[in-house]
Amino acid sequence: VMIGDGCCTFVSINLGAKQKDKAGQG
């Protein structure tokens, strides 16, 4: 859950910033 929730937040932040590549890296 730590990894999953952390990634969920990381992906949401980067999608909001239009950084799909970084979200994919996450």
PDB file of all heavy atoms in Angstrom:
ATOM      1  N   VAL A   1       0.837  -1.209   0.000  1.00  0.00           N
ATOM      2  CA  VAL A   1       0.000   0.000   0.000  1.00  0.00           C
ATOM      3  C   VAL A   1       0.867   1.253   0.000  1.00  0.00           C
ATOM      4  O   VAL A   1       0.527   2.251  -0.645  1.00  0.00           O
ATOM      5  CB  VAL A   1      -0.957  -0.007   1.213  1.00  0.00           C
ATOM      6  CG1 VAL A   1      -1.615   1.353   1.392  1.00  0.00           C
ATOM      7  CG2 VAL A   1      -2.026  -1.080   1.029  1.00  0.00           C
ATOM      8  N   MET A   2       1.989   1.215   0.710  1.00  0.00           N
ATOM      9  CA  MET A   2       2.901   2.364   0.692  1.00  0.00           C
ATOM     10  C   MET A   2       3.378   2.649  -0.732  1.00  0.00           C
ATOM     11  O   MET A   2       3.360   3.796  -1.190  1.00  0.00           O
ATOM     12  CB  MET A   2       4.109   2.096   1.595  1.00  0.00           C
ATOM     13  CG  MET A   2       5.178   3.181   1.533  1.00  0.00           C
ATOM     14  SD  MET A   2       6.524   2.955   2.723  1.00  0.00           S
ATOM     15  CE  MET A   2       7.202   1.372   2.194  1.00  0.00           C
ATOM     16  N   ILE A   3       3.776   1.594  -1.436  1.00  0.00           N
ATOM     17  CA  ILE A   3       4.243   1.772  -2.817  1.00  0.00           C
ATOM     18  C   ILE A   3       3.093   2.175  -3.730  1.00  0.00           C
ATOM     19  O   ILE A   3       3.207   3.100  -4.547  1.00  0.00           O
ATOM     20  CB  ILE A   3       4.901   0.477  -3.321  1.00  0.00           C
ATOM     21  CG1 ILE A   3       6.164   0.180  -2.507  1.00  0.00           C
ATOM     22  CG2 ILE A   3       5.250   0.589  -4.807  1.00  0.00           C
ATOM     23  CD1 ILE A   3       6.784  -1.178  -2.783  1.00  0.00           C
ATOM     24  N   GLY A   4       1.955   1.474  -3.592  1.00  0.00           N
ATOM     25  CA  GLY A   4       0.813   1.754  -4.461  1.00  0.00           C
ATOM     26  C   GLY A   4       0.223   3.135  -4.260  1.00  0.00           C
ATOM     27  O   GLY A   4      -0.015   3.868  -5.224  1.00  0.00           O
ATOM     28  N   ASP A   5      -0.039   3.505  -3.001  1.00  0.00           N
ATOM     29  CA  ASP A   5      -0.613   4.832  -2.726  1.00  0.00           C
ATOM     30  C   ASP A   5       0.366   5.944  -3.072  1.00  0.00           C
ATOM     31  O   ASP A   5      -0.025   6.999  -3.572  1.00  0.00           O
ATOM     32  CB  ASP A   5      -1.019   4.933  -1.247  1.00  0.00           C
ATOM     33  CG  ASP A   5      -2.301   4.179  -0.948  1.00  0.00           C
ATOM     34  OD1 ASP A   5      -2.878   3.608  -1.886  1.00  0.00           O
ATOM     35  OD2 ASP A   5      -2.724   4.158   0.227  1.00  0.00           O
ATOM     36  N   GLY A   6       1.659   5.702  -2.784  1.00  0.00           N
ATOM     37  CA  GLY A   6       2.672   6.691  -3.134  1.00  0.00           C
ATOM     38  C   GLY A   6       2.733   6.906  -4.631  1.00  0.00           C
ATOM     39  O   GLY A   6       2.817   8.048  -5.113  1.00  0.00           O
ATOM     40  N   CYS A   7       2.667   5.812  -5.392  1.00  0.00           N
ATOM     41  CA  CYS A   7       2.681   5.909  -6.857  1.00  0.00           C
ATOM     42  C   CYS A   7       1.418   6.581  -7.376  1.00  0.00           C
ATOM     43  O   CYS A   7       1.469   7.387  -8.302  1.00  0.00           O
ATOM     44  CB  CYS A   7       2.820   4.517  -7.469  1.00  0.00           C
ATOM     45  SG  CYS A   7       2.910   4.534  -9.268  1.00  0.00           S
ATOM     46  N   CYS A   8       0.277   6.248  -6.762  1.00  0.00           N
ATOM     47  CA  CYS A   8      -0.993   6.864  -7.153  1.00  0.00           C
ATOM     48  C   CYS A   8      -0.911   8.384  -7.038  1.00  0.00           C
ATOM     49  O   CYS A   8      -1.298   9.110  -7.956  1.00  0.00           O
ATOM     50  CB  CYS A   8      -2.109   6.317  -6.274  1.00  0.00           C
ATOM     51  SG  CYS A   8      -3.731   7.066  -6.558  1.00  0.00           S
ATOM     52  N   THR A   9      -0.385   8.856  -5.918  1.00  0.00           N
ATOM     53  CA  THR A   9      -0.233  10.300  -5.705  1.00  0.00           C
ATOM     54  C   THR A   9       0.764  10.883  -6.687  1.00  0.00           C
ATOM     55  O   THR A   9       0.537  11.952  -7.277  1.00  0.00           O
ATOM     56  CB  THR A   9       0.238  10.577  -4.261  1.00  0.00           C
ATOM     57  OG1 THR A   9      -0.678   9.985  -3.353  1.00  0.00           O
ATOM     58  CG2 THR A   9       0.316  12.075  -3.999  1.00  0.00           C
ATOM     59  N   PHE A  10       1.887  10.182  -6.880  1.00  0.00           N
ATOM     60  CA  PHE A  10       2.939  10.634  -7.801  1.00  0.00           C
ATOM     61  C   PHE A  10       2.390  10.760  -9.220  1.00  0.00           C
ATOM     62  O   PHE A  10       2.646  11.756  -9.920  1.00  0.00           O
ATOM     63  CB  PHE A  10       4.103   9.648  -7.766  1.00  0.00           C
ATOM     64  CG  PHE A  10       5.283  10.043  -8.606  1.00  0.00           C
ATOM     65  CD1 PHE A  10       6.249  10.912  -8.112  1.00  0.00           C
ATOM     66  CD2 PHE A  10       5.430   9.544  -9.895  1.00  0.00           C
ATOM     67  CE1 PHE A  10       7.343  11.282  -8.891  1.00  0.00           C
ATOM     68  CE2 PHE A  10       6.517   9.911 -10.681  1.00  0.00           C
ATOM     69  CZ  PHE A  10       7.476  10.774 -10.171  1.00  0.00           C
ATOM     70  N   VAL A  11       1.640   9.752  -9.652  1.00  0.00           N
ATOM     71  CA  VAL A  11       1.051   9.762 -10.998  1.00  0.00           C
ATOM     72  C   VAL A  11       0.053  10.904 -11.142  1.00  0.00           C
ATOM     73  O   VAL A  11       0.061  11.630 -12.145  1.00  0.00           O
ATOM     74  CB  VAL A  11       0.372   8.413 -11.301  1.00  0.00           C
ATOM     75  CG1 VAL A  11      -0.494   8.505 -12.561  1.00  0.00           C
ATOM     76  CG2 VAL A  11       1.420   7.320 -11.478  1.00  0.00           C
ATOM     77  N   SER A  12      -0.801  11.090 -10.149  1.00  0.00           N
ATOM     78  CA  SER A  12      -1.811  12.155 -10.204  1.00  0.00           C
ATOM     79  C   SER A  12      -1.152  13.539 -10.299  1.00  0.00           C
ATOM     80  O   SER A  12      -1.597  14.392 -11.066  1.00  0.00           O
ATOM     81  CB  SER A  12      -2.703  12.093  -8.965  1.00  0.00           C
ATOM     82  OG  SER A  12      -3.422  10.874  -8.919  1.00  0.00           O
ATOM     83  N   ILE A  13      -0.110  13.742  -9.511  1.00  0.00           N
ATOM     84  CA  ILE A  13       0.611  15.034  -9.538  1.00  0.00           C
ATOM     85  C   ILE A  13       1.201  15.283 -10.916  1.00  0.00           C
ATOM     86  O   ILE A  13       1.082  16.388 -11.471  1.00  0.00           O
ATOM     87  CB  ILE A  13       1.728  15.046  -8.464  1.00  0.00           C
ATOM     88  CG1 ILE A  13       1.125  15.089  -7.062  1.00  0.00           C
ATOM     89  CG2 ILE A  13       2.666  16.249  -8.683  1.00  0.00           C
ATOM     90  CD1 ILE A  13       2.132  14.893  -5.953  1.00  0.00           C
ATOM     91  N   ASN A  14       1.826  14.271 -11.490  1.00  0.00           N
ATOM     92  CA  ASN A  14       2.498  14.456 -12.777  1.00  0.00           C
ATOM     93  C   ASN A  14       1.521  14.521 -13.956  1.00  0.00           C
ATOM     94  O   ASN A  14       1.786  15.217 -14.938  1.00  0.00           O
ATOM     95  CB  ASN A  14       3.520  13.337 -12.994  1.00  0.00           C
ATOM     96  CG  ASN A  14       4.774  13.561 -12.168  1.00  0.00           C
ATOM     97  OD1 ASN A  14       5.617  14.392 -12.506  1.00  0.00           O
ATOM     98  ND2 ASN A  14       4.896  12.845 -11.068  1.00  0.00           N
ATOM     99  N   LEU A  15       0.404  13.810 -13.847  1.00  0.00           N
ATOM    100  CA  LEU A  15      -0.611  13.953 -14.894  1.00  0.00           C
ATOM    101  C   LEU A  15      -1.211  15.355 -14.862  1.00  0.00           C
ATOM    102  O   LEU A  15      -1.489  15.955 -15.903  1.00  0.00           O
ATOM    103  CB  LEU A  15      -1.711  12.906 -14.715  1.00  0.00           C
ATOM    104  CG  LEU A  15      -1.361  11.460 -15.088  1.00  0.00           C
ATOM    105  CD1 LEU A  15      -2.537  10.532 -14.820  1.00  0.00           C
ATOM    106  CD2 LEU A  15      -0.940  11.372 -16.549  1.00  0.00           C
ATOM    107  N   GLY A  16      -1.397  15.872 -13.639  1.00  0.00           N
ATOM    108  CA  GLY A  16      -1.895  17.246 -13.503  1.00  0.00           C
ATOM    109  C   GLY A  16      -0.931  18.269 -14.073  1.00  0.00           C
ATOM    110  O   GLY A  16      -1.340  19.314 -14.584  1.00  0.00           O
ATOM    111  N   ALA A  17       0.365  17.948 -14.015  1.00  0.00           N
ATOM    112  CA  ALA A  17       1.400  18.850 -14.540  1.00  0.00           C
ATOM    113  C   ALA A  17       1.701  18.560 -16.010  1.00  0.00           C
ATOM    114  O   ALA A  17       2.656  19.111 -16.579  1.00  0.00           O
ATOM    115  CB  ALA A  17       2.665  18.712 -13.716  1.00  0.00           C
ATOM    116  N   LYS A  18       0.905  17.675 -16.617  1.00  0.00           N
ATOM    117  CA  LYS A  18       1.077  17.299 -18.024  1.00  0.00           C
ATOM    118  C   LYS A  18       2.427  16.615 -18.277  1.00  0.00           C
ATOM    119  O   LYS A  18       3.002  16.727 -19.362  1.00  0.00           O
ATOM    120  CB  LYS A  18       0.936  18.521 -18.948  1.00  0.00           C
ATOM    121  CG  LYS A  18      -0.319  19.346 -18.738  1.00  0.00           C
ATOM    122  CD  LYS A  18      -1.579  18.549 -19.029  1.00  0.00           C
ATOM    123  CE  LYS A  18      -2.833  19.422 -18.856  1.00  0.00           C
ATOM    124  NZ  LYS A  18      -4.079  18.645 -19.060  1.00  0.00           N
ATOM    125  N   GLN A  19       2.919  15.891 -17.285  1.00  0.00           N
ATOM    126  CA  GLN A  19       4.197  15.183 -17.419  1.00  0.00           C
ATOM    127  C   GLN A  19       3.942  13.676 -17.441  1.00  0.00           C
ATOM    128  O   GLN A  19       4.225  12.961 -16.482  1.00  0.00           O
ATOM    129  CB  GLN A  19       5.139  15.563 -16.275  1.00  0.00           C
ATOM    130  CG  GLN A  19       5.552  17.031 -16.292  1.00  0.00           C
ATOM    131  CD  GLN A  19       6.463  17.387 -15.133  1.00  0.00           C
ATOM    132  OE1 GLN A  19       6.322  16.870 -14.025  1.00  0.00           O
ATOM    133  NE2 GLN A  19       7.410  18.287 -15.397  1.00  0.00           N
ATOM    134  N   LYS A  20       3.398  13.213 -18.553  1.00  0.00           N
ATOM    135  CA  LYS A  20       3.029  11.807 -18.677  1.00  0.00           C
ATOM    136  C   LYS A  20       4.247  10.882 -18.623  1.00  0.00           C
ATOM    137  O   LYS A  20       4.169   9.770 -18.103  1.00  0.00           O
ATOM    138  CB  LYS A  20       2.241  11.566 -19.966  1.00  0.00           C
ATOM    139  CG  LYS A  20       0.849  12.168 -19.962  1.00  0.00           C
ATOM    140  CD  LYS A  20       0.057  11.746 -21.187  1.00  0.00           C
ATOM    141  CE  LYS A  20      -1.371  12.289 -21.145  1.00  0.00           C
ATOM    142  NZ  LYS A  20      -2.172  11.834 -22.309  1.00  0.00           N
ATOM    143  N   ASP A  21       5.357  11.348 -19.176  1.00  0.00           N
ATOM    144  CA  ASP A  21       6.565  10.530 -19.172  1.00  0.00           C
ATOM    145  C   ASP A  21       7.021  10.235 -17.745  1.00  0.00           C
ATOM    146  O   ASP A  21       7.387   9.106 -17.412  1.00  0.00           O
ATOM    147  CB  ASP A  21       7.692  11.228 -19.941  1.00  0.00           C
ATOM    148  CG  ASP A  21       7.423  11.262 -21.439  1.00  0.00           C
ATOM    149  OD1 ASP A  21       6.541  10.519 -21.897  1.00  0.00           O
ATOM    150  OD2 ASP A  21       8.093  12.040 -22.142  1.00  0.00           O
ATOM    151  N   LYS A  22       6.989  11.265 -16.906  1.00  0.00           N
ATOM    152  CA  LYS A  22       7.419  11.094 -15.518  1.00  0.00           C
ATOM    153  C   LYS A  22       6.436  10.212 -14.765  1.00  0.00           C
ATOM    154  O   LYS A  22       6.835   9.417 -13.903  1.00  0.00           O
ATOM    155  CB  LYS A  22       7.537  12.456 -14.837  1.00  0.00           C
ATOM    156  CG  LYS A  22       8.373  12.421 -13.565  1.00  0.00           C
ATOM    157  CD  LYS A  22       8.717  13.807 -13.077  1.00  0.00           C
ATOM    158  CE  LYS A  22       9.604  13.736 -11.835  1.00  0.00           C
ATOM    159  NZ  LYS A  22       9.949  15.088 -11.332  1.00  0.00           N
ATOM    160  N   ALA A  23       5.148  10.347 -15.089  1.00  0.00           N
ATOM    161  CA  ALA A  23       4.133   9.490 -14.465  1.00  0.00           C
ATOM    162  C   ALA A  23       4.389   8.028 -14.823  1.00  0.00           C
ATOM    163  O   ALA A  23       4.294   7.136 -13.977  1.00  0.00           O
ATOM    164  CB  ALA A  23       2.741   9.915 -14.912  1.00  0.00           C
ATOM    165  N   GLY A  24       4.743   7.784 -16.084  1.00  0.00           N
ATOM    166  CA  GLY A  24       5.063   6.431 -16.532  1.00  0.00           C
ATOM    167  C   GLY A  24       6.289   5.880 -15.829  1.00  0.00           C
ATOM    168  O   GLY A  24       6.341   4.696 -15.469  1.00  0.00           O
ATOM    169  N   GLN A  25       7.281   6.734 -15.611  1.00  0.00           N
ATOM    170  CA  GLN A  25       8.480   6.323 -14.882  1.00  0.00           C
ATOM    171  C   GLN A  25       8.136   5.931 -13.447  1.00  0.00           C
ATOM    172  O   GLN A  25       8.715   4.990 -12.893  1.00  0.00           O
ATOM    173  CB  GLN A  25       9.500   7.455 -14.881  1.00  0.00           C
ATOM    174  CG  GLN A  25      10.083   7.774 -16.250  1.00  0.00           C
ATOM    175  CD  GLN A  25      10.944   9.027 -16.231  1.00  0.00           C
ATOM    176  OE1 GLN A  25      11.196   9.611 -15.186  1.00  0.00           O
ATOM    177  NE2 GLN A  25      11.394   9.446 -17.405  1.00  0.00           N
ATOM    178  N   GLY A  26       7.191   6.650 -12.868  1.00  0.00           N
ATOM    179  CA  GLY A  26       6.757   6.342 -11.511  1.00  0.00           C
ATOM    180  C   GLY A  26       6.111   4.972 -11.427  1.00  0.00           C
ATOM    181  O   GLY A  26       6.370   4.202 -10.498  1.00  0.00           O
TER     182      GLY A  26
END
